[in-house]
PDB file of N, CA and C in Angstrom:
ATOM      1  N   UNK A   1    -146.045  -1.626 -22.864  1.00  0.00           N
ATOM      2  CA  UNK A   1    -145.967  -2.212 -24.177  1.00  0.00           C
ATOM      3  C   UNK A   1    -146.795  -3.493 -24.234  1.00  0.00           C
ATOM      4  N   UNK A   2    -147.269  -3.731 -25.394  1.00  0.00           N
ATOM      5  CA  UNK A   2    -148.023  -4.961 -25.613  1.00  0.00           C
ATOM      6  C   UNK A   2    -147.089  -6.064 -26.099  1.00  0.00           C
ATOM      7  N   UNK A   3    -147.475  -7.261 -25.815  1.00  0.00           N
ATOM      8  CA  UNK A   3    -146.691  -8.405 -26.301  1.00  0.00           C
ATOM      9  C   UNK A   3    -147.083  -8.707 -27.740  1.00  0.00           C
ATOM     10  N   UNK A   4    -146.317  -8.242 -28.647  1.00  0.00           N
ATOM     11  CA  UNK A   4    -146.595  -8.490 -30.061  1.00  0.00           C
ATOM     12  C   UNK A   4    -145.773  -9.690 -30.515  1.00  0.00           C
ATOM     13  N   UNK A   5    -146.441 -10.640 -31.118  1.00  0.00           N
ATOM     14  CA  UNK A   5    -145.753 -11.828 -31.620  1.00  0.00           C
ATOM     15  C   UNK A   5    -145.227 -11.541 -33.016  1.00  0.00           C
ATOM     16  N   UNK A   6    -144.119 -12.148 -33.373  1.00  0.00           N
ATOM     17  CA  UNK A   6    -143.636 -11.953 -34.740  1.00  0.00           C
ATOM     18  C   UNK A   6    -144.598 -12.617 -35.738  1.00  0.00           C
ATOM     19  N   UNK A   7    -144.710 -12.091 -36.927  1.00  0.00           N
ATOM     20  CA  UNK A   7    -145.645 -12.672 -37.905  1.00  0.00           C
ATOM     21  C   UNK A   7    -145.187 -14.078 -38.323  1.00  0.00           C
ATOM     22  N   UNK A   8    -146.157 -14.892 -38.594  1.00  0.00           N
ATOM     23  CA  UNK A   8    -145.839 -16.257 -39.045  1.00  0.00           C
ATOM     24  C   UNK A   8    -145.311 -16.195 -40.472  1.00  0.00           C
ATOM     25  N   UNK A   9    -144.383 -17.069 -40.824  1.00  0.00           N
ATOM     26  CA  UNK A   9    -143.789 -16.989 -42.153  1.00  0.00           C
ATOM     27  C   UNK A   9    -144.749 -17.346 -43.283  1.00  0.00           C
ATOM     28  N   UNK A  10    -145.715 -18.226 -43.057  1.00  0.00           N
ATOM     29  CA  UNK A  10    -146.692 -18.577 -44.090  1.00  0.00           C
ATOM     30  C   UNK A  10    -148.094 -18.434 -43.529  1.00  0.00           C
ATOM     31  N   UNK A  11    -149.013 -18.255 -44.404  1.00  0.00           N
ATOM     32  CA  UNK A  11    -150.409 -18.157 -43.999  1.00  0.00           C
ATOM     33  C   UNK A  11    -150.964 -19.548 -43.742  1.00  0.00           C
ATOM     34  N   UNK A  12    -151.999 -19.614 -42.959  1.00  0.00           N
ATOM     35  CA  UNK A  12    -152.559 -20.921 -42.592  1.00  0.00           C
ATOM     36  C   UNK A  12    -153.174 -21.635 -43.801  1.00  0.00           C
ATOM     37  N   UNK A  13    -153.661 -20.908 -44.756  1.00  0.00           N
ATOM     38  CA  UNK A  13    -154.285 -21.521 -45.917  1.00  0.00           C
ATOM     39  C   UNK A  13    -153.312 -21.709 -47.078  1.00  0.00           C
ATOM     40  N   UNK A  14    -152.069 -21.314 -46.921  1.00  0.00           N
ATOM     41  CA  UNK A  14    -151.100 -21.437 -48.009  1.00  0.00           C
ATOM     42  C   UNK A  14    -150.637 -22.876 -48.208  1.00  0.00           C
ATOM     43  N   UNK A  15    -150.590 -23.649 -47.159  1.00  0.00           N
ATOM     44  CA  UNK A  15    -150.173 -25.044 -47.246  1.00  0.00           C
ATOM     45  C   UNK A  15    -151.353 -25.942 -46.875  1.00  0.00           C
ATOM     46  N   UNK A  16    -152.137 -26.380 -47.865  1.00  0.00           N
ATOM     47  CA  UNK A  16    -153.294 -27.193 -47.524  1.00  0.00           C
ATOM     48  C   UNK A  16    -152.864 -28.575 -47.023  1.00  0.00           C
ATOM     49  N   UNK A  17    -153.613 -29.066 -46.106  1.00  0.00           N
ATOM     50  CA  UNK A  17    -153.358 -30.396 -45.576  1.00  0.00           C
ATOM     51  C   UNK A  17    -153.975 -31.395 -46.540  1.00  0.00           C
ATOM     52  N   UNK A  18    -153.159 -32.303 -47.060  1.00  0.00           N
ATOM     53  CA  UNK A  18    -153.683 -33.295 -47.977  1.00  0.00           C
ATOM     54  C   UNK A  18    -154.162 -34.506 -47.196  1.00  0.00           C
ATOM     55  N   UNK A  19    -155.373 -34.933 -47.449  1.00  0.00           N
ATOM     56  CA  UNK A  19    -155.884 -36.104 -46.744  1.00  0.00           C
ATOM     57  C   UNK A  19    -155.177 -37.366 -47.269  1.00  0.00           C
ATOM     58  N   UNK A  20    -155.095 -38.374 -46.461  1.00  0.00           N
ATOM     59  CA  UNK A  20    -154.444 -39.603 -46.917  1.00  0.00           C
ATOM     60  C   UNK A  20    -155.262 -40.255 -48.034  1.00  0.00           C
ATOM     61  N   UNK A  21    -154.568 -40.778 -49.017  1.00  0.00           N
ATOM     62  CA  UNK A  21    -155.253 -41.432 -50.128  1.00  0.00           C
ATOM     63  C   UNK A  21    -154.964 -42.913 -50.098  1.00  0.00           C
ATOM     64  N   UNK A  22    -155.911 -43.661 -50.594  1.00  0.00           N
ATOM     65  CA  UNK A  22    -155.766 -45.103 -50.705  1.00  0.00           C
ATOM     66  C   UNK A  22    -156.544 -45.566 -51.925  1.00  0.00           C
ATOM     67  N   UNK A  23    -156.366 -46.817 -52.282  1.00  0.00           N
ATOM     68  CA  UNK A  23    -157.082 -47.355 -53.429  1.00  0.00           C
ATOM     69  C   UNK A  23    -158.541 -47.603 -53.062  1.00  0.00           C
ATOM     70  N   UNK A  24    -159.391 -47.496 -54.045  1.00  0.00           N
ATOM     71  CA  UNK A  24    -160.816 -47.676 -53.823  1.00  0.00           C
ATOM     72  C   UNK A  24    -161.167 -49.165 -53.760  1.00  0.00           C
ATOM     73  N   UNK A  25    -162.045 -49.497 -52.847  1.00  0.00           N
ATOM     74  CA  UNK A  25    -162.508 -50.892 -52.764  1.00  0.00           C
ATOM     75  C   UNK A  25    -163.416 -51.236 -53.929  1.00  0.00           C
ATOM     76  N   UNK A  26    -164.097 -50.232 -54.468  1.00  0.00           N
ATOM     77  CA  UNK A  26    -164.915 -50.471 -55.653  1.00  0.00           C
ATOM     78  C   UNK A  26    -164.044 -50.875 -56.841  1.00  0.00           C
ATOM     79  N   UNK A  27    -162.861 -50.294 -56.936  1.00  0.00           N
ATOM     80  CA  UNK A  27    -161.951 -50.652 -58.030  1.00  0.00           C
ATOM     81  C   UNK A  27    -161.497 -52.097 -57.897  1.00  0.00           C
ATOM     82  N   UNK A  28    -161.172 -52.512 -56.681  1.00  0.00           N
ATOM     83  CA  UNK A  28    -160.776 -53.907 -56.480  1.00  0.00           C
ATOM     84  C   UNK A  28    -161.939 -54.862 -56.763  1.00  0.00           C
ATOM     85  N   UNK A  29    -163.135 -54.485 -56.352  1.00  0.00           N
ATOM     86  CA  UNK A  29    -164.307 -55.321 -56.625  1.00  0.00           C
ATOM     87  C   UNK A  29    -164.568 -55.399 -58.127  1.00  0.00           C
ATOM     88  N   UNK A  30    -164.381 -54.288 -58.825  1.00  0.00           N
ATOM     89  CA  UNK A  30    -164.561 -54.278 -60.272  1.00  0.00           C
ATOM     90  C   UNK A  30    -163.531 -55.179 -60.951  1.00  0.00           C
ATOM     91  N   UNK A  31    -162.285 -55.134 -60.489  1.00  0.00           N
ATOM     92  CA  UNK A  31    -161.261 -56.023 -61.047  1.00  0.00           C
ATOM     93  C   UNK A  31    -161.610 -57.486 -60.831  1.00  0.00           C
ATOM     94  N   UNK A  32    -162.118 -57.812 -59.658  1.00  0.00           N
ATOM     95  CA  UNK A  32    -162.495 -59.186 -59.353  1.00  0.00           C
ATOM     96  C   UNK A  32    -163.663 -59.654 -60.224  1.00  0.00           C
ATOM     97  N   UNK A  33    -164.674 -58.822 -60.349  1.00  0.00           N
ATOM     98  CA  UNK A  33    -165.859 -59.201 -61.126  1.00  0.00           C
ATOM     99  C   UNK A  33    -165.533 -59.282 -62.614  1.00  0.00           C
ATOM    100  N   UNK A  34    -164.762 -58.343 -63.143  1.00  0.00           N
ATOM    101  CA  UNK A  34    -164.439 -58.389 -64.572  1.00  0.00           C
ATOM    102  C   UNK A  34    -163.496 -59.555 -64.879  1.00  0.00           C
ATOM    103  N   UNK A  35    -162.588 -59.873 -63.957  1.00  0.00           N
ATOM    104  CA  UNK A  35    -161.746 -61.053 -64.149  1.00  0.00           C
ATOM    105  C   UNK A  35    -162.563 -62.330 -64.154  1.00  0.00           C
ATOM    106  N   UNK A  36    -163.539 -62.409 -63.268  1.00  0.00           N
ATOM    107  CA  UNK A  36    -164.433 -63.572 -63.237  1.00  0.00           C
ATOM    108  C   UNK A  36    -165.275 -63.650 -64.506  1.00  0.00           C
ATOM    109  N   UNK A  37    -165.732 -62.509 -64.992  1.00  0.00           N
ATOM    110  CA  UNK A  37    -166.533 -62.495 -66.223  1.00  0.00           C
ATOM    111  C   UNK A  37    -165.699 -62.934 -67.422  1.00  0.00           C
ATOM    112  N   UNK A  38    -164.459 -62.484 -67.490  1.00  0.00           N
ATOM    113  CA  UNK A  38    -163.596 -62.912 -68.593  1.00  0.00           C
ATOM    114  C   UNK A  38    -163.263 -64.394 -68.497  1.00  0.00           C
ATOM    115  N   UNK A  39    -163.068 -64.899 -67.289  1.00  0.00           N
ATOM    116  CA  UNK A  39    -162.838 -66.340 -67.115  1.00  0.00           C
ATOM    117  C   UNK A  39    -164.075 -67.129 -67.511  1.00  0.00           C
ATOM    118  N   UNK A  40    -165.241 -66.624 -67.156  1.00  0.00           N
ATOM    119  CA  UNK A  40    -166.508 -67.275 -67.524  1.00  0.00           C
ATOM    120  C   UNK A  40    -166.668 -67.300 -69.042  1.00  0.00           C
ATOM    121  N   UNK A  41    -166.256 -66.221 -69.709  1.00  0.00           N
ATOM    122  CA  UNK A  41    -166.325 -66.179 -71.172  1.00  0.00           C
ATOM    123  C   UNK A  41    -165.349 -67.179 -71.783  1.00  0.00           C
ATOM    124  N   UNK A  42    -164.153 -67.257 -71.231  1.00  0.00           N
ATOM    125  CA  UNK A  42    -163.171 -68.212 -71.750  1.00  0.00           C
ATOM    126  C   UNK A  42    -163.655 -69.651 -71.566  1.00  0.00           C
ATOM    127  N   UNK A  43    -164.289 -69.930 -70.440  1.00  0.00           N
ATOM    128  CA  UNK A  43    -164.825 -71.274 -70.225  1.00  0.00           C
ATOM    129  C   UNK A  43    -166.014 -71.552 -71.134  1.00  0.00           C
ATOM    130  N   UNK A  44    -166.816 -70.538 -71.410  1.00  0.00           N
ATOM    131  CA  UNK A  44    -167.978 -70.725 -72.294  1.00  0.00           C
ATOM    132  C   UNK A  44    -167.538 -70.936 -73.737  1.00  0.00           C
ATOM    133  N   UNK A  45    -166.477 -70.238 -74.160  1.00  0.00           N
ATOM    134  CA  UNK A  45    -165.986 -70.402 -75.521  1.00  0.00           C
ATOM    135  C   UNK A  45    -165.295 -71.747 -75.677  1.00  0.00           C
ATOM    136  N   UNK A  46    -164.564 -72.142 -74.654  1.00  0.00           N
ATOM    137  CA  UNK A  46    -163.875 -73.433 -74.688  1.00  0.00           C
ATOM    138  C   UNK A  46    -164.866 -74.583 -74.613  1.00  0.00           C
ATOM    139  N   UNK A  47    -164.351 -75.737 -74.501  1.00  0.00           N
ATOM    140  CA  UNK A  47    -165.219 -76.924 -74.498  1.00  0.00           C
ATOM    141  C   UNK A  47    -165.522 -77.408 -73.089  1.00  0.00           C
ATOM    142  N   UNK A  48    -165.343 -76.572 -72.085  1.00  0.00           N
ATOM    143  CA  UNK A  48    -165.646 -77.004 -70.722  1.00  0.00           C
ATOM    144  C   UNK A  48    -167.159 -77.049 -70.531  1.00  0.00           C
ATOM    145  N   UNK A  49    -167.575 -77.898 -69.628  1.00  0.00           N
ATOM    146  CA  UNK A  49    -169.004 -78.070 -69.393  1.00  0.00           C
ATOM    147  C   UNK A  49    -169.431 -77.176 -68.233  1.00  0.00           C
ATOM    148  N   UNK A  50    -170.163 -76.141 -68.543  1.00  0.00           N
ATOM    149  CA  UNK A  50    -170.714 -75.252 -67.530  1.00  0.00           C
ATOM    150  C   UNK A  50    -172.152 -75.675 -67.245  1.00  0.00           C
ATOM    151  N   UNK A  51    -172.703 -75.332 -66.101  1.00  0.00           N
ATOM    152  CA  UNK A  51    -173.996 -75.884 -65.695  1.00  0.00           C
ATOM    153  C   UNK A  51    -175.218 -75.333 -66.432  1.00  0.00           C
ATOM    154  N   UNK A  52    -175.045 -74.368 -67.334  1.00  0.00           N
ATOM    155  CA  UNK A  52    -176.194 -73.779 -68.008  1.00  0.00           C
ATOM    156  C   UNK A  52    -176.060 -73.933 -69.519  1.00  0.00           C
ATOM    157  N   UNK A  53    -177.150 -73.671 -70.219  1.00  0.00           N
ATOM    158  CA  UNK A  53    -177.072 -73.673 -71.678  1.00  0.00           C
ATOM    159  C   UNK A  53    -176.320 -72.416 -72.142  1.00  0.00           C
ATOM    160  N   UNK A  54    -175.848 -72.390 -73.397  1.00  0.00           N
ATOM    161  CA  UNK A  54    -175.000 -71.271 -73.844  1.00  0.00           C
ATOM    162  C   UNK A  54    -175.646 -69.890 -73.715  1.00  0.00           C
ATOM    163  N   UNK A  55    -176.958 -69.804 -73.956  1.00  0.00           N
ATOM    164  CA  UNK A  55    -177.617 -68.494 -73.836  1.00  0.00           C
ATOM    165  C   UNK A  55    -177.560 -67.978 -72.405  1.00  0.00           C
ATOM    166  N   UNK A  56    -177.847 -68.834 -71.433  1.00  0.00           N
ATOM    167  CA  UNK A  56    -177.818 -68.409 -70.031  1.00  0.00           C
ATOM    168  C   UNK A  56    -176.395 -68.108 -69.580  1.00  0.00           C
ATOM    169  N   UNK A  57    -175.418 -68.870 -70.057  1.00  0.00           N
ATOM    170  CA  UNK A  57    -174.020 -68.605 -69.725  1.00  0.00           C
ATOM    171  C   UNK A  57    -173.613 -67.222 -70.218  1.00  0.00           C
ATOM    172  N   UNK A  58    -174.009 -66.911 -71.443  1.00  0.00           N
ATOM    173  CA  UNK A  58    -173.666 -65.612 -72.004  1.00  0.00           C
ATOM    174  C   UNK A  58    -174.381 -64.488 -71.256  1.00  0.00           C
ATOM    175  N   UNK A  59    -175.610 -64.720 -70.858  1.00  0.00           N
ATOM    176  CA  UNK A  59    -176.372 -63.711 -70.119  1.00  0.00           C
ATOM    177  C   UNK A  59    -175.743 -63.443 -68.748  1.00  0.00           C
ATOM    178  N   UNK A  60    -175.319 -64.484 -68.054  1.00  0.00           N
ATOM    179  CA  UNK A  60    -174.668 -64.329 -66.753  1.00  0.00           C
ATOM    180  C   UNK A  60    -173.379 -63.533 -66.897  1.00  0.00           C
ATOM    181  N   UNK A  61    -172.595 -63.844 -67.903  1.00  0.00           N
ATOM    182  CA  UNK A  61    -171.346 -63.120 -68.121  1.00  0.00           C
ATOM    183  C   UNK A  61    -171.580 -61.671 -68.511  1.00  0.00           C
ATOM    184  N   UNK A  62    -172.605 -61.413 -69.315  1.00  0.00           N
ATOM    185  CA  UNK A  62    -172.920 -60.041 -69.709  1.00  0.00           C
ATOM    186  C   UNK A  62    -173.330 -59.210 -68.498  1.00  0.00           C
ATOM    187  N   UNK A  63    -174.149 -59.787 -67.640  1.00  0.00           N
ATOM    188  CA  UNK A  63    -174.577 -59.070 -66.441  1.00  0.00           C
ATOM    189  C   UNK A  63    -173.385 -58.834 -65.514  1.00  0.00           C
ATOM    190  N   UNK A  64    -172.489 -59.797 -65.410  1.00  0.00           N
ATOM    191  CA  UNK A  64    -171.293 -59.620 -64.581  1.00  0.00           C
ATOM    192  C   UNK A  64    -170.396 -58.519 -65.149  1.00  0.00           C
ATOM    193  N   UNK A  65    -170.283 -58.439 -66.478  1.00  0.00           N
ATOM    194  CA  UNK A  65    -169.449 -57.385 -67.062  1.00  0.00           C
ATOM    195  C   UNK A  65    -170.081 -56.006 -66.880  1.00  0.00           C
ATOM    196  N   UNK A  66    -171.401 -55.927 -66.922  1.00  0.00           N
ATOM    197  CA  UNK A  66    -172.079 -54.653 -66.653  1.00  0.00           C
ATOM    198  C   UNK A  66    -171.885 -54.251 -65.187  1.00  0.00           C
ATOM    199  N   UNK A  67    -171.961 -55.219 -64.271  1.00  0.00           N
ATOM    200  CA  UNK A  67    -171.717 -54.935 -62.862  1.00  0.00           C
ATOM    201  C   UNK A  67    -170.284 -54.447 -62.648  1.00  0.00           C
ATOM    202  N   UNK A  68    -169.325 -55.056 -63.340  1.00  0.00           N
ATOM    203  CA  UNK A  68    -167.928 -54.621 -63.225  1.00  0.00           C
ATOM    204  C   UNK A  68    -167.765 -53.193 -63.727  1.00  0.00           C
ATOM    205  N   UNK A  69    -168.450 -52.854 -64.801  1.00  0.00           N
ATOM    206  CA  UNK A  69    -168.384 -51.497 -65.332  1.00  0.00           C
ATOM    207  C   UNK A  69    -169.018 -50.490 -64.366  1.00  0.00           C
ATOM    208  N   UNK A  70    -170.116 -50.855 -63.748  1.00  0.00           N
ATOM    209  CA  UNK A  70    -170.772 -49.977 -62.769  1.00  0.00           C
ATOM    210  C   UNK A  70    -169.872 -49.759 -61.551  1.00  0.00           C
ATOM    211  N   UNK A  71    -169.237 -50.826 -61.080  1.00  0.00           N
ATOM    212  CA  UNK A  71    -168.335 -50.693 -59.937  1.00  0.00           C
ATOM    213  C   UNK A  71    -167.115 -49.836 -60.280  1.00  0.00           C
ATOM    214  N   UNK A  72    -166.611 -49.980 -61.501  1.00  0.00           N
ATOM    215  CA  UNK A  72    -165.445 -49.182 -61.910  1.00  0.00           C
ATOM    216  C   UNK A  72    -165.798 -47.705 -61.992  1.00  0.00           C
ATOM    217  N   UNK A  73    -166.975 -47.391 -62.474  1.00  0.00           N
ATOM    218  CA  UNK A  73    -167.397 -45.993 -62.552  1.00  0.00           C
ATOM    219  C   UNK A  73    -167.708 -45.450 -61.153  1.00  0.00           C
ATOM    220  N   UNK A  74    -168.250 -46.299 -60.283  1.00  0.00           N
ATOM    221  CA  UNK A  74    -168.554 -45.863 -58.915  1.00  0.00           C
ATOM    222  C   UNK A  74    -167.289 -45.536 -58.136  1.00  0.00           C
ATOM    223  N   UNK A  75    -166.172 -46.147 -58.503  1.00  0.00           N
ATOM    224  CA  UNK A  75    -164.914 -45.867 -57.810  1.00  0.00           C
ATOM    225  C   UNK A  75    -164.472 -44.422 -58.015  1.00  0.00           C
ATOM    226  N   UNK A  76    -164.830 -43.828 -59.147  1.00  0.00           N
ATOM    227  CA  UNK A  76    -164.448 -42.441 -59.408  1.00  0.00           C
ATOM    228  C   UNK A  76    -165.208 -41.448 -58.532  1.00  0.00           C
ATOM    229  N   UNK A  77    -166.324 -41.837 -57.973  1.00  0.00           N
ATOM    230  CA  UNK A  77    -167.124 -40.914 -57.180  1.00  0.00           C
ATOM    231  C   UNK A  77    -166.670 -40.828 -55.730  1.00  0.00           C
ATOM    232  N   UNK A  78    -165.732 -41.677 -55.325  1.00  0.00           N
ATOM    233  CA  UNK A  78    -165.233 -41.625 -53.958  1.00  0.00           C
ATOM    234  C   UNK A  78    -164.154 -40.553 -53.841  1.00  0.00           C
ATOM    235  N   UNK A  79    -164.234 -39.722 -52.828  1.00  0.00           N
ATOM    236  CA  UNK A  79    -163.207 -38.677 -52.668  1.00  0.00           C
ATOM    237  C   UNK A  79    -161.926 -39.249 -52.063  1.00  0.00           C
ATOM    238  N   UNK A  80    -160.824 -38.579 -52.347  1.00  0.00           N
ATOM    239  CA  UNK A  80    -159.510 -38.883 -51.773  1.00  0.00           C
ATOM    240  C   UNK A  80    -159.062 -40.315 -52.050  1.00  0.00           C
ATOM    241  N   UNK A  81    -159.190 -40.740 -53.285  1.00  0.00           N
ATOM    242  CA  UNK A  81    -158.751 -42.078 -53.676  1.00  0.00           C
ATOM    243  C   UNK A  81    -157.710 -41.963 -54.774  1.00  0.00           C
ATOM    244  N   UNK A  82    -156.822 -42.944 -54.845  1.00  0.00           N
ATOM    245  CA  UNK A  82    -155.838 -42.972 -55.917  1.00  0.00           C
ATOM    246  C   UNK A  82    -156.520 -43.374 -57.209  1.00  0.00           C
ATOM    247  N   UNK A  83    -156.070 -42.783 -58.287  1.00  0.00           N
ATOM    248  CA  UNK A  83    -156.724 -42.985 -59.573  1.00  0.00           C
ATOM    249  C   UNK A  83    -156.137 -44.138 -60.385  1.00  0.00           C
ATOM    250  N   UNK A  84    -154.936 -44.586 -60.092  1.00  0.00           N
ATOM    251  CA  UNK A  84    -154.292 -45.585 -60.949  1.00  0.00           C
ATOM    252  C   UNK A  84    -155.089 -46.885 -60.990  1.00  0.00           C
ATOM    253  N   UNK A  85    -155.524 -47.387 -59.843  1.00  0.00           N
ATOM    254  CA  UNK A  85    -156.293 -48.633 -59.817  1.00  0.00           C
ATOM    255  C   UNK A  85    -157.666 -48.437 -60.458  1.00  0.00           C
ATOM    256  N   UNK A  86    -158.208 -47.236 -60.363  1.00  0.00           N
ATOM    257  CA  UNK A  86    -159.502 -46.963 -60.996  1.00  0.00           C
ATOM    258  C   UNK A  86    -159.390 -47.038 -62.512  1.00  0.00           C
ATOM    259  N   UNK A  87    -158.291 -46.518 -63.053  1.00  0.00           N
ATOM    260  CA  UNK A  87    -158.100 -46.564 -64.500  1.00  0.00           C
ATOM    261  C   UNK A  87    -157.953 -48.002 -64.983  1.00  0.00           C
ATOM    262  N   UNK A  88    -157.219 -48.806 -64.245  1.00  0.00           N
ATOM    263  CA  UNK A  88    -157.034 -50.217 -64.611  1.00  0.00           C
ATOM    264  C   UNK A  88    -158.365 -50.958 -64.535  1.00  0.00           C
ATOM    265  N   UNK A  89    -159.134 -50.706 -63.488  1.00  0.00           N
ATOM    266  CA  UNK A  89    -160.428 -51.365 -63.321  1.00  0.00           C
ATOM    267  C   UNK A  89    -161.399 -50.967 -64.427  1.00  0.00           C
ATOM    268  N   UNK A  90    -161.409 -49.701 -64.790  1.00  0.00           N
ATOM    269  CA  UNK A  90    -162.302 -49.241 -65.858  1.00  0.00           C
ATOM    270  C   UNK A  90    -161.914 -49.850 -67.197  1.00  0.00           C
ATOM    271  N   UNK A  91    -160.617 -49.923 -67.470  1.00  0.00           N
ATOM    272  CA  UNK A  91    -160.154 -50.498 -68.729  1.00  0.00           C
ATOM    273  C   UNK A  91    -160.506 -51.980 -68.822  1.00  0.00           C
ATOM    274  N   UNK A  92    -160.256 -52.732 -67.742  1.00  0.00           N
ATOM    275  CA  UNK A  92    -160.557 -54.163 -67.772  1.00  0.00           C
ATOM    276  C   UNK A  92    -162.058 -54.417 -67.840  1.00  0.00           C
ATOM    277  N   UNK A  93    -162.845 -53.615 -67.149  1.00  0.00           N
ATOM    278  CA  UNK A  93    -164.301 -53.769 -67.203  1.00  0.00           C
ATOM    279  C   UNK A  93    -164.836 -53.438 -68.592  1.00  0.00           C
ATOM    280  N   UNK A  94    -164.278 -52.414 -69.224  1.00  0.00           N
ATOM    281  CA  UNK A  94    -164.703 -52.075 -70.587  1.00  0.00           C
ATOM    282  C   UNK A  94    -164.306 -53.170 -71.571  1.00  0.00           C
ATOM    283  N   UNK A  95    -163.139 -53.760 -71.377  1.00  0.00           N
ATOM    284  CA  UNK A  95    -162.726 -54.873 -72.246  1.00  0.00           C
ATOM    285  C   UNK A  95    -163.632 -56.087 -72.067  1.00  0.00           C
ATOM    286  N   UNK A  96    -163.997 -56.384 -70.836  1.00  0.00           N
ATOM    287  CA  UNK A  96    -164.907 -57.504 -70.579  1.00  0.00           C
ATOM    288  C   UNK A  96    -166.277 -57.231 -71.189  1.00  0.00           C
ATOM    289  N   UNK A  97    -166.754 -56.009 -71.041  1.00  0.00           N
ATOM    290  CA  UNK A  97    -168.057 -55.641 -71.600  1.00  0.00           C
ATOM    291  C   UNK A  97    -168.045 -55.739 -73.123  1.00  0.00           C
ATOM    292  N   UNK A  98    -166.957 -55.275 -73.746  1.00  0.00           N
ATOM    293  CA  UNK A  98    -166.827 -55.347 -75.200  1.00  0.00           C
ATOM    294  C   UNK A  98    -166.686 -56.782 -75.671  1.00  0.00           C
ATOM    295  N   UNK A  99    -165.968 -57.589 -74.929  1.00  0.00           N
ATOM    296  CA  UNK A  99    -165.769 -58.987 -75.321  1.00  0.00           C
ATOM    297  C   UNK A  99    -167.093 -59.749 -75.345  1.00  0.00           C
ATOM    298  N   UNK A 100    -167.991 -59.429 -74.446  1.00  0.00           N
ATOM    299  CA  UNK A 100    -169.277 -60.123 -74.444  1.00  0.00           C
ATOM    300  C   UNK A 100    -170.156 -59.713 -75.613  1.00  0.00           C
ATOM    301  N   UNK A 101    -169.915 -58.560 -76.197  1.00  0.00           N
ATOM    302  CA  UNK A 101    -170.669 -58.203 -77.388  1.00  0.00           C
ATOM    303  C   UNK A 101    -170.004 -58.706 -78.661  1.00  0.00           C
ATOM    304  N   UNK A 102    -168.696 -58.894 -78.627  1.00  0.00           N
ATOM    305  CA  UNK A 102    -168.010 -59.401 -79.807  1.00  0.00           C
ATOM    306  C   UNK A 102    -168.158 -60.907 -79.972  1.00  0.00           C
ATOM    307  N   UNK A 103    -168.149 -61.617 -78.863  1.00  0.00           N
ATOM    308  CA  UNK A 103    -168.238 -63.075 -78.904  1.00  0.00           C
ATOM    309  C   UNK A 103    -169.607 -63.519 -78.455  1.00  0.00           C
ATOM    310  N   UNK A 104    -170.569 -63.498 -79.349  1.00  0.00           N
ATOM    311  CA  UNK A 104    -171.925 -63.903 -79.040  1.00  0.00           C
ATOM    312  C   UNK A 104    -172.010 -65.434 -79.125  1.00  0.00           C
ATOM    313  N   UNK A 105    -172.902 -66.036 -78.329  1.00  0.00           N
ATOM    314  CA  UNK A 105    -173.020 -67.500 -78.409  1.00  0.00           C
ATOM    315  C   UNK A 105    -173.595 -67.938 -79.746  1.00  0.00           C
ATOM    316  N   UNK A 106    -173.159 -69.079 -80.171  1.00  0.00           N
ATOM    317  CA  UNK A 106    -173.632 -69.598 -81.460  1.00  0.00           C
ATOM    318  C   UNK A 106    -174.885 -70.406 -81.331  1.00  0.00           C
TER     319      UNK A 106
END
């Protein structure tokens, strides 16, 4: 007689192994940059003295908000990452980007 093993209860492909997930570093970088851009906008709107003229201040903040938006979108391209922080980063980056178009320097 041959040694026949009993059949396995499940197939090897029936239970996929899920890779560990973590938050994206691009999402955290996007949150940091968009928070800095919004703070820069608040300081530019307020009466604080920033080192540049208003046009350059607005240009720096606009570029920072575009960078935050790029980083937030780049976070979606990473595999096996949690989506919650990406959604928050995208929302805050979009708000910062919109705020720079709504509040133009005078």
